[in-house]
C-alpha atoms as a PDB file:
ATOM      1  CA  UNK A   1      66.411  45.263  57.808  1.00  0.00           C
ATOM      2  CA  UNK A   2      64.952  46.827  54.675  1.00  0.00           C
ATOM      3  CA  UNK A   3      61.151  46.699  54.681  1.00  0.00           C
ATOM      4  CA  UNK A   4      58.813  45.949  51.793  1.00  0.00           C
ATOM      5  CA  UNK A   5      56.128  48.282  50.499  1.00  0.00           C
ATOM      6  CA  UNK A   6      53.576  47.350  47.832  1.00  0.00           C
ATOM      7  CA  UNK A   7      52.224  50.140  45.626  1.00  0.00           C
ATOM      8  CA  UNK A   8      49.439  49.301  43.183  1.00  0.00           C
ATOM      9  CA  UNK A   9      48.804  51.363  40.057  1.00  0.00           C
ATOM     10  CA  UNK A  10      52.475  52.368  39.964  1.00  0.00           C
ATOM     11  CA  UNK A  11      52.889  52.781  36.198  1.00  0.00           C
ATOM     12  CA  UNK A  12      52.153  56.517  36.141  1.00  0.00           C
ATOM     13  CA  UNK A  13      51.037  59.496  38.195  1.00  0.00           C
ATOM     14  CA  UNK A  14      50.682  59.326  41.962  1.00  0.00           C
ATOM     15  CA  UNK A  15      51.544  55.617  42.101  1.00  0.00           C
ATOM     16  CA  UNK A  16      54.789  55.988  40.156  1.00  0.00           C
ATOM     17  CA  UNK A  17      55.811  59.039  42.187  1.00  0.00           C
ATOM     18  CA  UNK A  18      55.020  57.215  45.433  1.00  0.00           C
ATOM     19  CA  UNK A  19      57.085  54.187  44.413  1.00  0.00           C
ATOM     20  CA  UNK A  20      60.051  56.459  43.629  1.00  0.00           C
ATOM     21  CA  UNK A  21      59.736  58.395  46.877  1.00  0.00           C
ATOM     22  CA  UNK A  22      59.522  55.292  49.058  1.00  0.00           C
ATOM     23  CA  UNK A  23      62.466  53.706  47.257  1.00  0.00           C
ATOM     24  CA  UNK A  24      64.433  56.914  47.861  1.00  0.00           C
ATOM     25  CA  UNK A  25      63.627  56.584  51.570  1.00  0.00           C
ATOM     26  CA  UNK A  26      65.132  53.103  51.665  1.00  0.00           C
ATOM     27  CA  UNK A  27      62.154  50.762  51.241  1.00  0.00           C
ATOM     28  CA  UNK A  28      62.156  47.835  48.813  1.00  0.00           C
ATOM     29  CA  UNK A  29      59.165  48.739  46.668  1.00  0.00           C
ATOM     30  CA  UNK A  30      57.086  46.162  44.817  1.00  0.00           C
ATOM     31  CA  UNK A  31      55.492  48.310  42.131  1.00  0.00           C
ATOM     32  CA  UNK A  32      52.266  46.983  40.631  1.00  0.00           C
ATOM     33  CA  UNK A  33      52.467  47.715  36.896  1.00  0.00           C
ATOM     34  CA  UNK A  34      50.925  46.442  33.662  1.00  0.00           C
ATOM     35  CA  UNK A  35      54.329  46.099  31.930  1.00  0.00           C
ATOM     36  CA  UNK A  36      57.757  45.656  33.509  1.00  0.00           C
ATOM     37  CA  UNK A  37      59.151  48.619  31.587  1.00  0.00           C
ATOM     38  CA  UNK A  38      56.573  50.873  33.285  1.00  0.00           C
ATOM     39  CA  UNK A  39      58.358  50.561  36.625  1.00  0.00           C
ATOM     40  CA  UNK A  40      60.710  53.370  37.553  1.00  0.00           C
ATOM     41  CA  UNK A  41      64.355  52.945  38.568  1.00  0.00           C
ATOM     42  CA  UNK A  42      65.090  51.475  41.975  1.00  0.00           C
ATOM     43  CA  UNK A  43      61.827  49.545  42.309  1.00  0.00           C
ATOM     44  CA  UNK A  44      60.882  45.936  41.611  1.00  0.00           C
ATOM     45  CA  UNK A  45      58.133  45.599  39.005  1.00  0.00           C
ATOM     46  CA  UNK A  46      55.260  43.207  39.713  1.00  0.00           C
ATOM     47  CA  UNK A  47      52.762  42.586  36.935  1.00  0.00           C
ATOM     48  CA  UNK A  48      49.479  43.412  38.626  1.00  0.00           C
ATOM     49  CA  UNK A  49      45.938  43.911  37.429  1.00  0.00           C
ATOM     50  CA  UNK A  50      43.986  44.134  40.678  1.00  0.00           C
ATOM     51  CA  UNK A  51      40.904  42.634  39.006  1.00  0.00           C
ATOM     52  CA  UNK A  52      42.847  39.430  38.134  1.00  0.00           C
ATOM     53  CA  UNK A  53      42.877  36.832  40.958  1.00  0.00           C
ATOM     54  CA  UNK A  54      45.973  35.110  39.500  1.00  0.00           C
ATOM     55  CA  UNK A  55      47.955  38.360  39.638  1.00  0.00           C
ATOM     56  CA  UNK A  56      46.895  38.963  43.245  1.00  0.00           C
ATOM     57  CA  UNK A  57      47.878  35.435  44.234  1.00  0.00           C
ATOM     58  CA  UNK A  58      51.284  35.867  42.610  1.00  0.00           C
ATOM     59  CA  UNK A  59      51.782  39.085  44.595  1.00  0.00           C
ATOM     60  CA  UNK A  60      50.764  37.345  47.824  1.00  0.00           C
ATOM     61  CA  UNK A  61      53.253  34.549  47.144  1.00  0.00           C
ATOM     62  CA  UNK A  62      56.022  37.034  46.319  1.00  0.00           C
ATOM     63  CA  UNK A  63      55.501  38.810  49.661  1.00  0.00           C
ATOM     64  CA  UNK A  64      55.207  35.536  51.589  1.00  0.00           C
ATOM     65  CA  UNK A  65      58.495  34.250  50.147  1.00  0.00           C
ATOM     66  CA  UNK A  66      60.406  37.366  51.261  1.00  0.00           C
ATOM     67  CA  UNK A  67      61.919  37.415  54.752  1.00  0.00           C
ATOM     68  CA  UNK A  68      61.632  41.203  54.925  1.00  0.00           C
ATOM     69  CA  UNK A  69      58.586  42.548  56.788  1.00  0.00           C
ATOM     70  CA  UNK A  70      55.792  44.211  54.818  1.00  0.00           C
ATOM     71  CA  UNK A  71      55.626  47.799  56.029  1.00  0.00           C
ATOM     72  CA  UNK A  72      52.660  48.989  53.941  1.00  0.00           C
ATOM     73  CA  UNK A  73      50.226  48.315  51.146  1.00  0.00           C
ATOM     74  CA  UNK A  74      49.387  51.451  49.159  1.00  0.00           C
ATOM     75  CA  UNK A  75      46.106  50.839  47.315  1.00  0.00           C
ATOM     76  CA  UNK A  76      46.419  53.393  44.532  1.00  0.00           C
ATOM     77  CA  UNK A  77      45.184  51.754  41.309  1.00  0.00           C
ATOM     78  CA  UNK A  78      42.026  53.271  39.863  1.00  0.00           C
ATOM     79  CA  UNK A  79      40.056  54.636  36.938  1.00  0.00           C
ATOM     80  CA  UNK A  80      37.930  57.738  36.501  1.00  0.00           C
ATOM     81  CA  UNK A  81      34.509  57.488  34.842  1.00  0.00           C
ATOM     82  CA  UNK A  82      32.229  60.521  34.517  1.00  0.00           C
ATOM     83  CA  UNK A  83      28.676  60.451  33.194  1.00  0.00           C
ATOM     84  CA  UNK A  84      25.219  61.378  34.465  1.00  0.00           C
ATOM     85  CA  UNK A  85      23.566  58.644  36.523  1.00  0.00           C
ATOM     86  CA  UNK A  86      20.825  58.240  33.895  1.00  0.00           C
ATOM     87  CA  UNK A  87      23.206  57.676  31.007  1.00  0.00           C
ATOM     88  CA  UNK A  88      26.052  55.546  32.387  1.00  0.00           C
ATOM     89  CA  UNK A  89      25.603  51.921  31.231  1.00  0.00           C
ATOM     90  CA  UNK A  90      25.363  49.369  34.004  1.00  0.00           C
ATOM     91  CA  UNK A  91      28.424  47.484  32.821  1.00  0.00           C
ATOM     92  CA  UNK A  92      30.422  50.705  33.332  1.00  0.00           C
ATOM     93  CA  UNK A  93      28.991  51.095  36.831  1.00  0.00           C
ATOM     94  CA  UNK A  94      30.053  47.544  37.681  1.00  0.00           C
ATOM     95  CA  UNK A  95      33.531  47.911  36.145  1.00  0.00           C
ATOM     96  CA  UNK A  96      34.209  51.149  38.015  1.00  0.00           C
ATOM     97  CA  UNK A  97      33.388  49.446  41.306  1.00  0.00           C
ATOM     98  CA  UNK A  98      35.394  46.359  40.299  1.00  0.00           C
ATOM     99  CA  UNK A  99      38.550  48.432  39.804  1.00  0.00           C
ATOM    100  CA  UNK A 100      38.153  51.212  42.367  1.00  0.00           C
ATOM    101  CA  UNK A 101      36.728  49.175  45.251  1.00  0.00           C
ATOM    102  CA  UNK A 102      36.601  45.395  44.897  1.00  0.00           C
ATOM    103  CA  UNK A 103      40.134  45.164  43.505  1.00  0.00           C
ATOM    104  CA  UNK A 104      41.479  47.029  46.547  1.00  0.00           C
ATOM    105  CA  UNK A 105      39.554  44.769  48.895  1.00  0.00           C
ATOM    106  CA  UNK A 106      40.939  41.675  47.135  1.00  0.00           C
ATOM    107  CA  UNK A 107      44.560  42.862  47.365  1.00  0.00           C
ATOM    108  CA  UNK A 108      44.052  43.873  51.003  1.00  0.00           C
ATOM    109  CA  UNK A 109      42.616  40.474  51.898  1.00  0.00           C
ATOM    110  CA  UNK A 110      45.546  38.719  50.232  1.00  0.00           C
ATOM    111  CA  UNK A 111      48.220  40.755  52.069  1.00  0.00           C
ATOM    112  CA  UNK A 112      46.487  41.244  55.409  1.00  0.00           C
ATOM    113  CA  UNK A 113      48.132  38.244  57.127  1.00  0.00           C
ATOM    114  CA  UNK A 114      51.594  39.604  56.241  1.00  0.00           C
ATOM    115  CA  UNK A 115      50.630  43.089  57.390  1.00  0.00           C
ATOM    116  CA  UNK A 116      49.282  41.770  60.681  1.00  0.00           C
ATOM    117  CA  UNK A 117      52.487  39.830  61.308  1.00  0.00           C
ATOM    118  CA  UNK A 118      54.637  42.897  60.708  1.00  0.00           C
ATOM    119  CA  UNK A 119      52.382  45.473  62.374  1.00  0.00           C
ATOM    120  CA  UNK A 120      52.169  47.235  59.018  1.00  0.00           C
ATOM    121  CA  UNK A 121      49.555  49.495  57.536  1.00  0.00           C
ATOM    122  CA  UNK A 122      47.121  49.893  54.644  1.00  0.00           C
ATOM    123  CA  UNK A 123      47.125  53.230  52.835  1.00  0.00           C
ATOM    124  CA  UNK A 124      43.983  53.673  50.733  1.00  0.00           C
ATOM    125  CA  UNK A 125      44.090  56.393  48.078  1.00  0.00           C
ATOM    126  CA  UNK A 126      40.626  57.881  48.054  1.00  0.00           C
ATOM    127  CA  UNK A 127      39.784  61.363  46.750  1.00  0.00           C
ATOM    128  CA  UNK A 128      38.096  64.581  47.708  1.00  0.00           C
ATOM    129  CA  UNK A 129      35.330  62.880  45.685  1.00  0.00           C
ATOM    130  CA  UNK A 130      34.990  60.523  48.629  1.00  0.00           C
ATOM    131  CA  UNK A 131      33.646  63.463  50.637  1.00  0.00           C
ATOM    132  CA  UNK A 132      31.631  65.435  48.043  1.00  0.00           C
ATOM    133  CA  UNK A 133      30.078  64.013  44.866  1.00  0.00           C
ATOM    134  CA  UNK A 134      30.135  66.410  41.925  1.00  0.00           C
ATOM    135  CA  UNK A 135      27.556  66.090  39.098  1.00  0.00           C
ATOM    136  CA  UNK A 136      28.452  63.234  36.691  1.00  0.00           C
ATOM    137  CA  UNK A 137      30.678  61.754  39.423  1.00  0.00           C
ATOM    138  CA  UNK A 138      28.067  59.296  40.712  1.00  0.00           C
ATOM    139  CA  UNK A 139      30.016  56.133  39.849  1.00  0.00           C
ATOM    140  CA  UNK A 140      33.509  57.442  40.643  1.00  0.00           C
ATOM    141  CA  UNK A 141      32.508  59.196  43.864  1.00  0.00           C
ATOM    142  CA  UNK A 142      30.387  56.187  44.794  1.00  0.00           C
ATOM    143  CA  UNK A 143      33.493  53.997  44.755  1.00  0.00           C
ATOM    144  CA  UNK A 144      35.430  56.530  46.808  1.00  0.00           C
ATOM    145  CA  UNK A 145      32.662  56.964  49.400  1.00  0.00           C
ATOM    146  CA  UNK A 146      32.599  53.165  49.662  1.00  0.00           C
ATOM    147  CA  UNK A 147      36.385  52.979  49.996  1.00  0.00           C
ATOM    148  CA  UNK A 148      36.214  55.487  52.843  1.00  0.00           C
ATOM    149  CA  UNK A 149      33.626  53.315  54.606  1.00  0.00           C
ATOM    150  CA  UNK A 150      35.639  50.132  54.083  1.00  0.00           C
ATOM    151  CA  UNK A 151      38.710  51.938  55.435  1.00  0.00           C
ATOM    152  CA  UNK A 152      36.851  53.017  58.570  1.00  0.00           C
ATOM    153  CA  UNK A 153      35.572  49.501  59.167  1.00  0.00           C
ATOM    154  CA  UNK A 154      38.961  47.880  58.555  1.00  0.00           C
ATOM    155  CA  UNK A 155      40.699  50.400  60.826  1.00  0.00           C
ATOM    156  CA  UNK A 156      38.357  49.549  63.680  1.00  0.00           C
ATOM    157  CA  UNK A 157      38.941  45.842  63.104  1.00  0.00           C
ATOM    158  CA  UNK A 158      42.733  45.784  62.940  1.00  0.00           C
ATOM    159  CA  UNK A 159      44.036  48.680  65.022  1.00  0.00           C
ATOM    160  CA  UNK A 160      43.460  46.645  68.198  1.00  0.00           C
ATOM    161  CA  UNK A 161      45.739  44.059  66.541  1.00  0.00           C
ATOM    162  CA  UNK A 162      48.549  46.579  66.035  1.00  0.00           C
ATOM    163  CA  UNK A 163      47.911  47.542  62.401  1.00  0.00           C
ATOM    164  CA  UNK A 164      47.113  50.984  60.978  1.00  0.00           C
ATOM    165  CA  UNK A 165      44.716  52.041  58.199  1.00  0.00           C
ATOM    166  CA  UNK A 166      45.096  55.469  56.596  1.00  0.00           C
ATOM    167  CA  UNK A 167      43.049  57.255  53.918  1.00  0.00           C
ATOM    168  CA  UNK A 168      44.599  59.780  51.514  1.00  0.00           C
ATOM    169  CA  UNK A 169      42.224  62.327  49.938  1.00  0.00           C
ATOM    170  CA  UNK A 170      43.798  64.166  46.993  1.00  0.00           C
ATOM    171  CA  UNK A 171      42.204  67.159  45.334  1.00  0.00           C
ATOM    172  CA  UNK A 172      43.626  68.461  42.064  1.00  0.00           C
ATOM    173  CA  UNK A 173      46.809  66.591  41.144  1.00  0.00           C
ATOM    174  CA  UNK A 174      48.568  66.951  37.809  1.00  0.00           C
ATOM    175  CA  UNK A 175      48.448  63.374  36.536  1.00  0.00           C
ATOM    176  CA  UNK A 176      47.062  61.547  33.521  1.00  0.00           C
ATOM    177  CA  UNK A 177      43.927  60.156  35.187  1.00  0.00           C
ATOM    178  CA  UNK A 178      41.662  63.146  34.548  1.00  0.00           C
ATOM    179  CA  UNK A 179      42.769  63.400  30.910  1.00  0.00           C
ATOM    180  CA  UNK A 180      41.707  59.802  30.464  1.00  0.00           C
ATOM    181  CA  UNK A 181      38.520  60.632  32.360  1.00  0.00           C
ATOM    182  CA  UNK A 182      37.723  63.482  29.945  1.00  0.00           C
ATOM    183  CA  UNK A 183      38.217  61.174  26.974  1.00  0.00           C
ATOM    184  CA  UNK A 184      35.955  58.567  28.581  1.00  0.00           C
ATOM    185  CA  UNK A 185      33.322  61.200  29.399  1.00  0.00           C
ATOM    186  CA  UNK A 186      33.276  62.368  25.786  1.00  0.00           C
ATOM    187  CA  UNK A 187      32.995  58.804  24.521  1.00  0.00           C
ATOM    188  CA  UNK A 188      30.099  58.099  26.870  1.00  0.00           C
ATOM    189  CA  UNK A 189      28.457  61.390  25.886  1.00  0.00           C
ATOM    190  CA  UNK A 190      28.546  60.275  22.247  1.00  0.00           C
ATOM    191  CA  UNK A 191      26.284  57.379  23.262  1.00  0.00           C
ATOM    192  CA  UNK A 192      23.597  59.550  24.818  1.00  0.00           C
ATOM    193  CA  UNK A 193      20.198  59.808  23.163  1.00  0.00           C
ATOM    194  CA  UNK A 194      19.164  63.200  21.726  1.00  0.00           C
ATOM    195  CA  UNK A 195      16.897  63.723  24.732  1.00  0.00           C
ATOM    196  CA  UNK A 196      19.711  62.935  27.146  1.00  0.00           C
ATOM    197  CA  UNK A 197      22.056  65.230  25.247  1.00  0.00           C
ATOM    198  CA  UNK A 198      19.532  68.010  25.622  1.00  0.00           C
ATOM    199  CA  UNK A 199      19.403  67.424  29.368  1.00  0.00           C
ATOM    200  CA  UNK A 200      23.081  66.858  30.083  1.00  0.00           C
ATOM    201  CA  UNK A 201      25.187  68.050  27.139  1.00  0.00           C
ATOM    202  CA  UNK A 202      26.014  71.399  28.707  1.00  0.00           C
ATOM    203  CA  UNK A 203      26.739  69.733  32.047  1.00  0.00           C
ATOM    204  CA  UNK A 204      29.208  67.276  30.488  1.00  0.00           C
ATOM    205  CA  UNK A 205      30.998  70.171  28.790  1.00  0.00           C
ATOM    206  CA  UNK A 206      31.121  72.125  32.054  1.00  0.00           C
ATOM    207  CA  UNK A 207      32.505  69.228  34.107  1.00  0.00           C
ATOM    208  CA  UNK A 208      35.168  68.462  31.502  1.00  0.00           C
ATOM    209  CA  UNK A 209      36.195  72.109  31.392  1.00  0.00           C
ATOM    210  CA  UNK A 210      36.219  72.341  35.189  1.00  0.00           C
ATOM    211  CA  UNK A 211      38.304  69.193  35.468  1.00  0.00           C
ATOM    212  CA  UNK A 212      40.858  70.396  32.943  1.00  0.00           C
ATOM    213  CA  UNK A 213      41.237  73.865  34.454  1.00  0.00           C
ATOM    214  CA  UNK A 214      41.127  72.808  38.103  1.00  0.00           C
ATOM    215  CA  UNK A 215      43.639  70.006  37.858  1.00  0.00           C
ATOM    216  CA  UNK A 216      45.979  72.033  35.662  1.00  0.00           C
ATOM    217  CA  UNK A 217      46.565  74.254  38.687  1.00  0.00           C
ATOM    218  CA  UNK A 218      46.743  71.325  41.113  1.00  0.00           C
ATOM    219  CA  UNK A 219      49.727  70.003  43.019  1.00  0.00           C
ATOM    220  CA  UNK A 220      52.329  67.701  41.497  1.00  0.00           C
ATOM    221  CA  UNK A 221      52.291  63.926  41.813  1.00  0.00           C
ATOM    222  CA  UNK A 222      55.506  64.257  43.806  1.00  0.00           C
ATOM    223  CA  UNK A 223      53.720  66.411  46.391  1.00  0.00           C
ATOM    224  CA  UNK A 224      51.056  63.741  46.767  1.00  0.00           C
ATOM    225  CA  UNK A 225      53.766  61.082  47.037  1.00  0.00           C
ATOM    226  CA  UNK A 226      55.397  62.888  49.941  1.00  0.00           C
ATOM    227  CA  UNK A 227      52.087  62.932  51.842  1.00  0.00           C
ATOM    228  CA  UNK A 228      51.651  59.206  51.209  1.00  0.00           C
ATOM    229  CA  UNK A 229      55.220  58.560  52.348  1.00  0.00           C
ATOM    230  CA  UNK A 230      54.433  60.404  55.580  1.00  0.00           C
ATOM    231  CA  UNK A 231      51.474  58.080  56.124  1.00  0.00           C
ATOM    232  CA  UNK A 232      53.770  55.089  55.550  1.00  0.00           C
ATOM    233  CA  UNK A 233      56.596  56.240  57.828  1.00  0.00           C
ATOM    234  CA  UNK A 234      54.932  58.237  60.605  1.00  0.00           C
ATOM    235  CA  UNK A 235      55.046  56.543  63.990  1.00  0.00           C
ATOM    236  CA  UNK A 236      51.483  57.666  64.712  1.00  0.00           C
ATOM    237  CA  UNK A 237      49.824  58.468  61.380  1.00  0.00           C
ATOM    238  CA  UNK A 238      46.547  60.326  61.177  1.00  0.00           C
ATOM    239  CA  UNK A 239      43.503  58.401  59.969  1.00  0.00           C
ATOM    240  CA  UNK A 240      43.145  60.791  56.994  1.00  0.00           C
ATOM    241  CA  UNK A 241      45.403  63.144  55.041  1.00  0.00           C
ATOM    242  CA  UNK A 242      44.264  65.606  52.392  1.00  0.00           C
ATOM    243  CA  UNK A 243      46.492  66.553  49.466  1.00  0.00           C
ATOM    244  CA  UNK A 244      46.256  70.148  48.234  1.00  0.00           C
ATOM    245  CA  UNK A 245      44.550  73.227  49.602  1.00  0.00           C
ATOM    246  CA  UNK A 246      41.442  72.562  47.499  1.00  0.00           C
ATOM    247  CA  UNK A 247      40.929  69.168  49.140  1.00  0.00           C
ATOM    248  CA  UNK A 248      41.469  70.611  52.619  1.00  0.00           C
ATOM    249  CA  UNK A 249      38.971  73.421  51.964  1.00  0.00           C
ATOM    250  CA  UNK A 250      36.281  71.198  50.475  1.00  0.00           C
ATOM    251  CA  UNK A 251      36.478  68.578  53.205  1.00  0.00           C
ATOM    252  CA  UNK A 252      36.017  71.355  55.767  1.00  0.00           C
ATOM    253  CA  UNK A 253      33.016  72.707  53.854  1.00  0.00           C
ATOM    254  CA  UNK A 254      31.348  69.284  53.767  1.00  0.00           C
ATOM    255  CA  UNK A 255      31.502  69.229  57.573  1.00  0.00           C
ATOM    256  CA  UNK A 256      30.028  72.687  58.165  1.00  0.00           C
ATOM    257  CA  UNK A 257      27.656  73.427  55.260  1.00  0.00           C
ATOM    258  CA  UNK A 258      24.154  71.975  55.004  1.00  0.00           C
ATOM    259  CA  UNK A 259      23.459  69.971  51.846  1.00  0.00           C
ATOM    260  CA  UNK A 260      21.502  72.709  50.066  1.00  0.00           C
ATOM    261  CA  UNK A 261      24.221  75.285  50.655  1.00  0.00           C
ATOM    262  CA  UNK A 262      26.850  72.879  49.310  1.00  0.00           C
ATOM    263  CA  UNK A 263      24.598  72.156  46.320  1.00  0.00           C
ATOM    264  CA  UNK A 264      24.424  75.881  45.522  1.00  0.00           C
ATOM    265  CA  UNK A 265      28.193  76.289  45.856  1.00  0.00           C
ATOM    266  CA  UNK A 266      28.866  73.389  43.483  1.00  0.00           C
ATOM    267  CA  UNK A 267      26.189  74.541  41.013  1.00  0.00           C
ATOM    268  CA  UNK A 268      27.675  78.047  40.906  1.00  0.00           C
ATOM    269  CA  UNK A 269      31.124  76.637  40.191  1.00  0.00           C
ATOM    270  CA  UNK A 270      29.887  74.263  37.482  1.00  0.00           C
ATOM    271  CA  UNK A 271      27.761  76.932  35.793  1.00  0.00           C
ATOM    272  CA  UNK A 272      30.818  79.125  35.248  1.00  0.00           C
ATOM    273  CA  UNK A 273      32.083  76.458  32.849  1.00  0.00           C
ATOM    274  CA  UNK A 274      28.881  75.874  30.879  1.00  0.00           C
ATOM    275  CA  UNK A 275      28.948  76.798  27.181  1.00  0.00           C
ATOM    276  CA  UNK A 276      27.601  80.269  26.443  1.00  0.00           C
ATOM    277  CA  UNK A 277      25.102  78.898  23.912  1.00  0.00           C
ATOM    278  CA  UNK A 278      23.450  75.527  24.422  1.00  0.00           C
ATOM    279  CA  UNK A 279      24.222  73.029  21.715  1.00  0.00           C
ATOM    280  CA  UNK A 280      22.396  69.775  20.932  1.00  0.00           C
ATOM    281  CA  UNK A 281      25.817  68.064  20.860  1.00  0.00           C
ATOM    282  CA  UNK A 282      28.028  68.417  23.940  1.00  0.00           C
ATOM    283  CA  UNK A 283      31.117  70.487  23.228  1.00  0.00           C
ATOM    284  CA  UNK A 284      34.317  68.686  24.080  1.00  0.00           C
ATOM    285  CA  UNK A 285      36.700  70.253  26.576  1.00  0.00           C
ATOM    286  CA  UNK A 286      40.404  69.834  25.992  1.00  0.00           C
ATOM    287  CA  UNK A 287      42.474  68.225  28.728  1.00  0.00           C
ATOM    288  CA  UNK A 288      44.745  71.239  29.122  1.00  0.00           C
ATOM    289  CA  UNK A 289      47.708  69.847  27.201  1.00  0.00           C
ATOM    290  CA  UNK A 290      48.097  66.837  29.475  1.00  0.00           C
ATOM    291  CA  UNK A 291      48.094  68.735  32.780  1.00  0.00           C
ATOM    292  CA  UNK A 292      45.396  66.687  34.405  1.00  0.00           C
ATOM    293  CA  UNK A 293      44.586  65.396  37.829  1.00  0.00           C
ATOM    294  CA  UNK A 294      42.512  63.565  40.354  1.00  0.00           C
ATOM    295  CA  UNK A 295      39.362  65.662  40.662  1.00  0.00           C
ATOM    296  CA  UNK A 296      37.824  69.030  39.771  1.00  0.00           C
ATOM    297  CA  UNK A 297      37.859  71.769  42.358  1.00  0.00           C
ATOM    298  CA  UNK A 298      34.550  73.434  43.336  1.00  0.00           C
END
């Protein structure tokens, strides 16, 4: 019998590529999208904003009404917000957590009974930012660190019941999310006070430049999708998979380097991208012609 898979955030990037790959492998994919036309061929579109309880309830009902077992929930939806801790407005902090953490928890709660019945699995798309927090990544990395913790807790709760929980940690991936993140970072930088601009303007420029250059050389969304598909289909999946050599290297470094050494490594990398002459207004980095991704690479 064909099995169901739910993929959230499937309009573009990693989510869209994952939906296509799983459909190619024979699953019936329920693709969470904002508009039906955003869904790719061979998948069933489901209008889904993971911060909307009515959308989540409709998804739960759709799964419950289907006789096919639910193989996996891929929690992929997310946003990227970059700004120094001092300057990011509290409503932006709350919204980032609402989308990147609480929305995933809400969808997981809604589909957990179906997953437990089928012996399925939850695949949480985290980030290398869930292991190491770059400057200006306080909110984004905070959500990913939290998602890693929730994943660990959930895994220890449900594996004795026959269900798996897997975390995916991408590094640089060529998708639209970082381009949107650069635009958001520039918009937030425009709201900084002159004093804050003096403190952080060069840093914002450097992080934007690092993000654009690092993700432009990252792996494709299709490569990430194949790793996620492995987590969905493997008989005995690992608890964590990295995507890209940069993610694998950085996660190893976080395990072996003391904090101060990692701080120096990150600072050296960021400083290479600082503007040559400090400016009272942060220079804007281009997004590399649309070749953008999940996270910068230290």
